[in-house]
Amino acid sequence: MAHQRPSWDDYFLEVADIVATRATCDRGRSGCVIVRDKRILVTGYVGSPAGLAHCDEVGHQMKKVVHEDGSVTQHCVRTVHAEQNAITQAARTGVSIEGATLYCRMTPCRVCAMLIINCGIRRVVCERKYHAGGESEILFREAGVELTYKYDEVQAYDGQ
């Protein structure tokens, strides 16, 4: 069988998966790659702010969120999301990400979606959907950010 090269989207999603191996919170080992013109600009992974303890070292810092419908979800707040870390790396190094494409594991959360929109990122490619990603999908649609999924299914993970 002849070798089949991956599509650009599949290639950059695989790179994001490799970046995710550096993540320091086992609840969401995800990575992010921001690309423009088929060139990687920056990467980011889930991890605590520089110099602070990581979940893998001291455990999770869990917070409960009570939603309007009465449902309760738990989130680890010790870490910075992969998308946020990639965006801050671009800012720290003076790399413009306007007009870029962001690749990540699942639909960015609402806060990440707002940052992505304000950075001028025009396209987001996710492997799967985030179970609480509905608001982000609406924000992207309203802001004209293209959102693409490789698989039309929700990402399952522990403690969801």
N, C-alpha and C. Protein backbone atom coordinates (compact mmCIF):
# COMPACT_ATOMS: atom_id res chain seq x y z
N MET A 1 0.84 -1.18 0.00
CA MET A 1 0.00 0.00 0.00
C MET A 1 0.89 1.24 0.00
N ALA A 2 0.53 2.20 -0.81
CA ALA A 2 1.31 3.43 -0.93
C ALA A 2 1.10 4.30 0.31
N HIS A 3 2.15 5.01 0.65
CA HIS A 3 2.09 5.94 1.78
C HIS A 3 1.08 7.04 1.49
N GLN A 4 0.23 7.35 2.48
CA GLN A 4 -0.73 8.44 2.35
C GLN A 4 -0.35 9.56 3.30
N ARG A 5 -0.10 10.71 2.73
CA ARG A 5 0.22 11.86 3.56
C ARG A 5 -1.05 12.35 4.24
N PRO A 6 -0.94 12.76 5.50
CA PRO A 6 -2.14 13.30 6.17
C PRO A 6 -2.50 14.67 5.58
N SER A 7 -3.76 15.02 5.70
CA SER A 7 -4.18 16.37 5.32
C SER A 7 -3.48 17.35 6.26
N TRP A 8 -3.46 18.63 5.91
CA TRP A 8 -2.86 19.62 6.79
C TRP A 8 -3.56 19.66 8.13
N ASP A 9 -4.90 19.59 8.12
CA ASP A 9 -5.63 19.59 9.39
C ASP A 9 -5.25 18.39 10.25
N ASP A 10 -5.20 17.20 9.65
CA ASP A 10 -4.82 16.00 10.41
C ASP A 10 -3.39 16.11 10.94
N TYR A 11 -2.50 16.64 10.12
CA TYR A 11 -1.10 16.81 10.52
C TYR A 11 -0.99 17.72 11.75
N PHE A 12 -1.65 18.89 11.71
CA PHE A 12 -1.54 19.82 12.83
C PHE A 12 -2.29 19.32 14.06
N LEU A 13 -3.36 18.56 13.89
CA LEU A 13 -4.03 17.94 15.04
C LEU A 13 -3.11 16.91 15.70
N GLU A 14 -2.36 16.18 14.90
CA GLU A 14 -1.39 15.22 15.46
C GLU A 14 -0.28 15.94 16.20
N VAL A 15 0.18 17.06 15.67
CA VAL A 15 1.20 17.85 16.36
C VAL A 15 0.64 18.32 17.71
N ALA A 16 -0.62 18.77 17.73
CA ALA A 16 -1.25 19.21 18.98
C ALA A 16 -1.29 18.04 19.99
N ASP A 17 -1.53 16.83 19.50
CA ASP A 17 -1.53 15.66 20.40
C ASP A 17 -0.14 15.41 20.99
N ILE A 18 0.90 15.62 20.23
CA ILE A 18 2.28 15.48 20.74
C ILE A 18 2.56 16.57 21.77
N VAL A 19 2.16 17.80 21.47
CA VAL A 19 2.33 18.91 22.41
C VAL A 19 1.64 18.57 23.73
N ALA A 20 0.49 17.93 23.66
CA ALA A 20 -0.30 17.58 24.85
C ALA A 20 0.45 16.65 25.80
N THR A 21 1.44 15.93 25.32
CA THR A 21 2.19 15.02 26.20
C THR A 21 2.99 15.79 27.25
N ARG A 22 3.16 17.10 27.08
CA ARG A 22 3.85 17.94 28.07
C ARG A 22 2.90 18.44 29.16
N ALA A 23 1.59 18.25 28.99
CA ALA A 23 0.59 18.77 29.94
C ALA A 23 0.80 18.18 31.33
N THR A 24 0.45 18.98 32.34
CA THR A 24 0.72 18.59 33.73
C THR A 24 -0.54 18.41 34.57
N CYS A 25 -1.70 18.24 33.93
CA CYS A 25 -2.94 17.95 34.64
C CYS A 25 -3.59 16.76 33.95
N ASP A 26 -3.73 15.66 34.68
CA ASP A 26 -4.23 14.45 34.04
C ASP A 26 -5.72 14.49 33.73
N ARG A 27 -6.43 15.52 34.16
CA ARG A 27 -7.85 15.65 33.80
C ARG A 27 -8.01 16.17 32.38
N GLY A 28 -7.03 16.83 31.87
CA GLY A 28 -7.18 17.41 30.54
C GLY A 28 -5.86 17.59 29.85
N ARG A 29 -5.18 16.51 29.61
CA ARG A 29 -3.89 16.61 28.92
C ARG A 29 -4.13 16.98 27.46
N SER A 30 -4.24 18.26 27.22
CA SER A 30 -4.46 18.68 25.84
C SER A 30 -3.41 19.68 25.41
N GLY A 31 -3.26 19.76 24.10
CA GLY A 31 -2.29 20.66 23.51
C GLY A 31 -2.95 21.51 22.44
N CYS A 32 -2.25 22.52 22.02
CA CYS A 32 -2.77 23.48 21.04
C CYS A 32 -1.64 23.91 20.12
N VAL A 33 -1.96 24.09 18.87
CA VAL A 33 -1.02 24.59 17.88
C VAL A 33 -1.70 25.72 17.13
N ILE A 34 -1.00 26.83 16.98
CA ILE A 34 -1.53 27.94 16.19
C ILE A 34 -0.67 28.08 14.94
N VAL A 35 -1.33 28.09 13.81
CA VAL A 35 -0.67 27.98 12.50
C VAL A 35 -1.16 29.08 11.57
N ARG A 36 -0.27 29.57 10.75
CA ARG A 36 -0.66 30.45 9.64
C ARG A 36 0.15 30.07 8.43
N ASP A 37 -0.49 29.99 7.28
CA ASP A 37 0.18 29.64 6.02
C ASP A 37 0.95 28.32 6.14
N LYS A 38 0.35 27.34 6.82
CA LYS A 38 0.91 25.99 6.99
C LYS A 38 2.23 25.99 7.76
N ARG A 39 2.42 27.00 8.60
CA ARG A 39 3.62 27.10 9.43
C ARG A 39 3.21 27.27 10.88
N ILE A 40 3.84 26.51 11.75
CA ILE A 40 3.53 26.59 13.18
C ILE A 40 4.10 27.89 13.74
N LEU A 41 3.23 28.67 14.39
CA LEU A 41 3.65 29.91 15.01
C LEU A 41 3.98 29.71 16.48
N VAL A 42 3.09 29.05 17.22
CA VAL A 42 3.28 28.78 18.65
C VAL A 42 2.51 27.52 19.04
N THR A 43 2.90 26.98 20.19
CA THR A 43 2.18 25.84 20.76
C THR A 43 1.89 26.15 22.23
N GLY A 44 0.99 25.38 22.80
CA GLY A 44 0.70 25.51 24.22
C GLY A 44 0.09 24.21 24.72
N TYR A 45 0.23 23.97 26.01
CA TYR A 45 -0.37 22.80 26.63
C TYR A 45 -0.90 23.16 28.00
N VAL A 46 -1.77 22.31 28.54
CA VAL A 46 -2.36 22.54 29.85
C VAL A 46 -1.26 22.47 30.90
N GLY A 47 -1.16 23.50 31.73
CA GLY A 47 -0.16 23.50 32.78
C GLY A 47 -0.32 24.71 33.69
N SER A 48 0.25 24.62 34.85
CA SER A 48 0.18 25.72 35.81
C SER A 48 1.01 26.90 35.32
N PRO A 49 0.69 28.10 35.81
CA PRO A 49 1.52 29.24 35.46
C PRO A 49 2.99 28.98 35.83
N ALA A 50 3.89 29.58 35.09
CA ALA A 50 5.33 29.37 35.29
C ALA A 50 5.72 29.57 36.75
N GLY A 51 6.45 28.60 37.27
CA GLY A 51 6.96 28.68 38.64
C GLY A 51 6.01 28.17 39.70
N LEU A 52 4.78 27.85 39.35
CA LEU A 52 3.82 27.36 40.33
C LEU A 52 3.71 25.83 40.25
N ALA A 53 3.22 25.24 41.33
CA ALA A 53 3.12 23.79 41.42
C ALA A 53 2.12 23.25 40.38
N HIS A 54 2.42 22.06 39.89
CA HIS A 54 1.57 21.39 38.90
C HIS A 54 0.68 20.35 39.56
N CYS A 55 -0.46 20.07 38.93
CA CYS A 55 -1.38 19.04 39.43
C CYS A 55 -0.65 17.70 39.59
N ASP A 56 0.19 17.37 38.64
CA ASP A 56 0.92 16.10 38.70
C ASP A 56 1.82 16.02 39.94
N GLU A 57 2.16 17.18 40.52
CA GLU A 57 3.02 17.21 41.70
C GLU A 57 2.25 17.31 43.00
N VAL A 58 1.20 18.15 43.04
CA VAL A 58 0.50 18.44 44.30
C VAL A 58 -1.00 18.14 44.27
N GLY A 59 -1.50 17.66 43.17
CA GLY A 59 -2.92 17.36 43.06
C GLY A 59 -3.71 18.49 42.43
N HIS A 60 -4.98 18.20 42.21
CA HIS A 60 -5.86 19.16 41.56
C HIS A 60 -6.36 20.22 42.54
N GLN A 61 -6.73 21.35 42.00
CA GLN A 61 -7.38 22.41 42.76
C GLN A 61 -8.78 22.55 42.17
N MET A 62 -9.71 21.79 42.74
CA MET A 62 -11.05 21.68 42.16
C MET A 62 -11.99 22.77 42.68
N LYS A 63 -12.81 23.27 41.77
CA LYS A 63 -13.86 24.23 42.09
C LYS A 63 -15.16 23.71 41.49
N LYS A 64 -16.25 23.86 42.23
CA LYS A 64 -17.57 23.49 41.73
C LYS A 64 -18.24 24.72 41.15
N VAL A 65 -18.93 24.51 40.05
CA VAL A 65 -19.68 25.58 39.41
C VAL A 65 -21.14 25.14 39.37
N VAL A 66 -22.01 25.98 39.91
CA VAL A 66 -23.45 25.72 39.88
C VAL A 66 -24.03 26.53 38.72
N HIS A 67 -24.65 25.83 37.79
CA HIS A 67 -25.18 26.48 36.60
C HIS A 67 -26.63 26.90 36.80
N GLU A 68 -27.13 27.76 35.91
CA GLU A 68 -28.49 28.29 36.01
C GLU A 68 -29.54 27.19 36.10
N ASP A 69 -29.29 26.06 35.42
CA ASP A 69 -30.27 24.97 35.44
C ASP A 69 -30.15 24.09 36.69
N GLY A 70 -29.23 24.45 37.59
CA GLY A 70 -29.04 23.70 38.83
C GLY A 70 -27.99 22.61 38.73
N SER A 71 -27.51 22.33 37.54
CA SER A 71 -26.48 21.31 37.40
C SER A 71 -25.16 21.83 37.98
N VAL A 72 -24.35 20.90 38.44
CA VAL A 72 -23.07 21.24 39.06
C VAL A 72 -21.95 20.54 38.29
N THR A 73 -20.92 21.30 37.92
CA THR A 73 -19.74 20.71 37.30
C THR A 73 -18.52 21.05 38.14
N GLN A 74 -17.49 20.24 38.00
CA GLN A 74 -16.23 20.49 38.72
C GLN A 74 -15.13 20.77 37.71
N HIS A 75 -14.28 21.72 38.07
CA HIS A 75 -13.18 22.11 37.18
C HIS A 75 -11.91 22.26 38.00
N CYS A 76 -10.82 21.82 37.43
CA CYS A 76 -9.51 22.05 38.05
C CYS A 76 -9.06 23.44 37.63
N VAL A 77 -8.79 24.31 38.60
CA VAL A 77 -8.40 25.70 38.29
C VAL A 77 -6.92 25.97 38.56
N ARG A 78 -6.15 24.92 38.80
CA ARG A 78 -4.71 25.09 39.02
C ARG A 78 -3.99 25.42 37.72
N THR A 79 -4.55 24.99 36.60
CA THR A 79 -3.84 25.09 35.34
C THR A 79 -4.43 26.13 34.39
N VAL A 80 -3.62 26.49 33.42
CA VAL A 80 -4.00 27.37 32.32
C VAL A 80 -4.29 26.47 31.13
N HIS A 81 -5.36 26.76 30.40
CA HIS A 81 -5.72 25.93 29.25
C HIS A 81 -4.67 26.02 28.14
N ALA A 82 -4.61 24.99 27.33
CA ALA A 82 -3.64 24.93 26.23
C ALA A 82 -3.78 26.12 25.29
N GLU A 83 -5.02 26.48 24.96
CA GLU A 83 -5.25 27.60 24.06
C GLU A 83 -4.73 28.90 24.69
N GLN A 84 -4.97 29.09 25.99
CA GLN A 84 -4.50 30.29 26.68
C GLN A 84 -2.98 30.32 26.70
N ASN A 85 -2.34 29.18 26.95
CA ASN A 85 -0.88 29.15 26.97
C ASN A 85 -0.30 29.44 25.60
N ALA A 86 -0.92 28.95 24.54
CA ALA A 86 -0.42 29.25 23.19
C ALA A 86 -0.55 30.74 22.89
N ILE A 87 -1.69 31.32 23.25
CA ILE A 87 -1.91 32.75 23.01
C ILE A 87 -0.91 33.59 23.81
N THR A 88 -0.66 33.21 25.07
CA THR A 88 0.30 33.99 25.87
C THR A 88 1.73 33.82 25.35
N GLN A 89 2.05 32.65 24.82
CA GLN A 89 3.38 32.46 24.22
C GLN A 89 3.55 33.39 23.01
N ALA A 90 2.50 33.52 22.21
CA ALA A 90 2.57 34.45 21.07
C ALA A 90 2.80 35.87 21.57
N ALA A 91 2.08 36.27 22.61
CA ALA A 91 2.23 37.62 23.15
C ALA A 91 3.63 37.84 23.71
N ARG A 92 4.14 36.85 24.45
CA ARG A 92 5.48 36.99 25.06
C ARG A 92 6.58 37.11 24.02
N THR A 93 6.41 36.43 22.90
CA THR A 93 7.47 36.41 21.89
C THR A 93 7.20 37.38 20.73
N GLY A 94 6.11 38.12 20.81
CA GLY A 94 5.81 39.11 19.77
C GLY A 94 5.39 38.51 18.45
N VAL A 95 4.74 37.35 18.49
CA VAL A 95 4.29 36.69 17.27
C VAL A 95 2.82 37.02 17.04
N SER A 96 2.52 37.64 15.92
CA SER A 96 1.13 37.94 15.58
C SER A 96 0.41 36.65 15.18
N ILE A 97 -0.76 36.45 15.77
CA ILE A 97 -1.56 35.27 15.42
C ILE A 97 -2.86 35.68 14.71
N GLU A 98 -2.94 36.93 14.32
CA GLU A 98 -4.11 37.41 13.59
C GLU A 98 -4.22 36.67 12.27
N GLY A 99 -5.43 36.20 11.98
CA GLY A 99 -5.68 35.48 10.73
C GLY A 99 -5.25 34.03 10.75
N ALA A 100 -4.81 33.54 11.91
CA ALA A 100 -4.28 32.18 12.01
C ALA A 100 -5.39 31.15 12.23
N THR A 101 -4.97 29.88 12.22
CA THR A 101 -5.83 28.75 12.54
C THR A 101 -5.32 28.12 13.82
N LEU A 102 -6.23 27.79 14.72
CA LEU A 102 -5.89 27.16 16.00
C LEU A 102 -6.36 25.71 15.96
N TYR A 103 -5.48 24.78 16.33
CA TYR A 103 -5.79 23.35 16.38
C TYR A 103 -5.77 22.91 17.84
N CYS A 104 -6.81 22.16 18.25
CA CYS A 104 -6.88 21.72 19.64
C CYS A 104 -7.70 20.43 19.76
N ARG A 105 -7.70 19.87 20.95
CA ARG A 105 -8.34 18.59 21.22
C ARG A 105 -9.86 18.64 21.15
N MET A 106 -10.45 19.68 21.78
CA MET A 106 -11.91 19.80 21.79
C MET A 106 -12.32 21.26 21.77
N THR A 107 -13.60 21.51 21.58
CA THR A 107 -14.12 22.88 21.52
C THR A 107 -13.53 23.70 22.66
N PRO A 108 -12.94 24.82 22.38
CA PRO A 108 -12.43 25.67 23.45
C PRO A 108 -13.56 26.10 24.40
N CYS A 109 -13.22 26.30 25.67
CA CYS A 109 -14.20 26.78 26.64
C CYS A 109 -14.61 28.21 26.27
N ARG A 110 -15.58 28.73 26.97
CA ARG A 110 -16.10 30.06 26.68
C ARG A 110 -15.02 31.14 26.80
N VAL A 111 -14.22 31.09 27.86
CA VAL A 111 -13.16 32.09 28.06
C VAL A 111 -12.14 32.00 26.93
N CYS A 112 -11.72 30.77 26.61
CA CYS A 112 -10.76 30.60 25.51
C CYS A 112 -11.35 31.10 24.19
N ALA A 113 -12.63 30.82 23.97
CA ALA A 113 -13.28 31.28 22.73
C ALA A 113 -13.22 32.80 22.62
N MET A 114 -13.48 33.49 23.73
CA MET A 114 -13.44 34.96 23.70
C MET A 114 -12.02 35.45 23.40
N LEU A 115 -11.02 34.82 23.98
CA LEU A 115 -9.63 35.20 23.70
C LEU A 115 -9.29 34.94 22.23
N ILE A 116 -9.69 33.80 21.73
CA ILE A 116 -9.44 33.43 20.33
C ILE A 116 -10.05 34.48 19.40
N ILE A 117 -11.27 34.87 19.67
CA ILE A 117 -11.95 35.88 18.85
C ILE A 117 -11.18 37.19 18.90
N ASN A 118 -10.80 37.64 20.10
CA ASN A 118 -10.11 38.93 20.23
C ASN A 118 -8.70 38.91 19.66
N CYS A 119 -8.09 37.75 19.53
CA CYS A 119 -6.75 37.65 18.93
C CYS A 119 -6.80 37.73 17.41
N GLY A 120 -7.99 37.60 16.85
CA GLY A 120 -8.11 37.65 15.39
C GLY A 120 -7.90 36.32 14.72
N ILE A 121 -7.91 35.23 15.49
CA ILE A 121 -7.82 33.90 14.89
C ILE A 121 -9.10 33.68 14.09
N ARG A 122 -8.97 33.20 12.86
CA ARG A 122 -10.12 33.10 11.95
C ARG A 122 -10.70 31.70 11.85
N ARG A 123 -9.95 30.69 12.30
CA ARG A 123 -10.42 29.30 12.13
C ARG A 123 -9.97 28.48 13.32
N VAL A 124 -10.84 27.60 13.82
CA VAL A 124 -10.53 26.69 14.92
C VAL A 124 -10.86 25.28 14.45
N VAL A 125 -9.89 24.37 14.58
CA VAL A 125 -10.09 22.97 14.20
C VAL A 125 -9.91 22.12 15.45
N CYS A 126 -10.93 21.34 15.78
CA CYS A 126 -10.93 20.50 16.98
C CYS A 126 -11.06 19.03 16.58
N GLU A 127 -10.45 18.17 17.39
CA GLU A 127 -10.66 16.74 17.17
C GLU A 127 -12.11 16.37 17.48
N ARG A 128 -12.59 16.82 18.66
CA ARG A 128 -13.94 16.46 19.12
C ARG A 128 -14.60 17.64 19.81
N LYS A 129 -15.85 17.45 20.19
CA LYS A 129 -16.62 18.48 20.88
C LYS A 129 -16.39 18.40 22.39
N TYR A 130 -16.46 19.55 23.03
CA TYR A 130 -16.42 19.67 24.49
C TYR A 130 -17.86 19.59 24.97
N HIS A 131 -18.12 18.82 26.03
CA HIS A 131 -19.49 18.61 26.49
C HIS A 131 -20.19 19.92 26.88
N ALA A 132 -19.43 20.94 27.22
CA ALA A 132 -20.01 22.23 27.59
C ALA A 132 -19.59 23.31 26.60
N GLY A 133 -19.49 22.95 25.33
CA GLY A 133 -18.98 23.88 24.33
C GLY A 133 -20.02 24.64 23.55
N GLY A 134 -21.29 24.50 23.92
CA GLY A 134 -22.36 25.16 23.16
C GLY A 134 -22.23 26.67 23.08
N GLU A 135 -21.89 27.31 24.20
CA GLU A 135 -21.73 28.77 24.19
C GLU A 135 -20.59 29.20 23.28
N SER A 136 -19.51 28.43 23.30
CA SER A 136 -18.37 28.75 22.43
C SER A 136 -18.75 28.65 20.97
N GLU A 137 -19.51 27.63 20.62
CA GLU A 137 -19.95 27.48 19.24
C GLU A 137 -20.77 28.69 18.79
N ILE A 138 -21.63 29.18 19.68
CA ILE A 138 -22.44 30.37 19.37
C ILE A 138 -21.55 31.60 19.20
N LEU A 139 -20.59 31.78 20.13
CA LEU A 139 -19.68 32.93 20.05
C LEU A 139 -18.90 32.91 18.74
N PHE A 140 -18.36 31.76 18.38
CA PHE A 140 -17.59 31.66 17.13
C PHE A 140 -18.47 31.99 15.93
N ARG A 141 -19.67 31.45 15.91
CA ARG A 141 -20.58 31.71 14.79
C ARG A 141 -20.88 33.21 14.69
N GLU A 142 -21.19 33.84 15.82
CA GLU A 142 -21.51 35.28 15.81
C GLU A 142 -20.31 36.13 15.40
N ALA A 143 -19.10 35.69 15.75
CA ALA A 143 -17.90 36.46 15.44
C ALA A 143 -17.32 36.13 14.06
N GLY A 144 -17.89 35.15 13.38
CA GLY A 144 -17.40 34.78 12.05
C GLY A 144 -16.14 33.94 12.08
N VAL A 145 -15.91 33.23 13.19
CA VAL A 145 -14.76 32.32 13.28
C VAL A 145 -15.23 30.94 12.83
N GLU A 146 -14.56 30.39 11.84
CA GLU A 146 -14.92 29.07 11.33
C GLU A 146 -14.53 28.01 12.35
N LEU A 147 -15.44 27.10 12.65
CA LEU A 147 -15.20 26.02 13.62
C LEU A 147 -15.42 24.69 12.91
N THR A 148 -14.39 23.83 12.95
CA THR A 148 -14.43 22.54 12.27
C THR A 148 -14.10 21.43 13.25
N TYR A 149 -14.81 20.31 13.14
CA TYR A 149 -14.52 19.14 13.96
C TYR A 149 -14.07 17.99 13.08
N LYS A 150 -13.03 17.27 13.53
CA LYS A 150 -12.61 16.07 12.81
C LYS A 150 -13.64 14.96 13.04
N TYR A 151 -14.08 14.81 14.30
CA TYR A 151 -15.09 13.81 14.65
C TYR A 151 -16.29 14.52 15.25
N ASP A 152 -17.48 14.13 14.84
CA ASP A 152 -18.70 14.74 15.35
C ASP A 152 -19.17 13.98 16.59
N GLU A 153 -18.35 14.04 17.64
CA GLU A 153 -18.67 13.36 18.89
C GLU A 153 -18.05 14.14 20.04
N VAL A 154 -18.58 13.91 21.26
CA VAL A 154 -18.09 14.59 22.45
C VAL A 154 -16.86 13.86 22.99
N GLN A 155 -15.84 14.64 23.36
CA GLN A 155 -14.62 14.08 23.97
C GLN A 155 -14.94 13.59 25.36
N ALA A 156 -14.65 12.34 25.64
CA ALA A 156 -14.87 11.78 26.99
C ALA A 156 -13.56 11.87 27.78
N TYR A 157 -13.68 12.22 29.07
CA TYR A 157 -12.51 12.23 29.93
C TYR A 157 -12.96 12.05 31.37
N ASP A 158 -12.03 11.67 32.24
CA ASP A 158 -12.36 11.41 33.64
C ASP A 158 -12.85 12.66 34.33
N GLY A 159 -13.83 12.50 35.20
CA GLY A 159 -14.33 13.61 36.00
C GLY A 159 -15.16 14.60 35.24
N GLN A 160 -15.65 14.22 34.07
CA GLN A 160 -16.42 15.09 33.20
C GLN A 160 -17.68 15.45 33.85
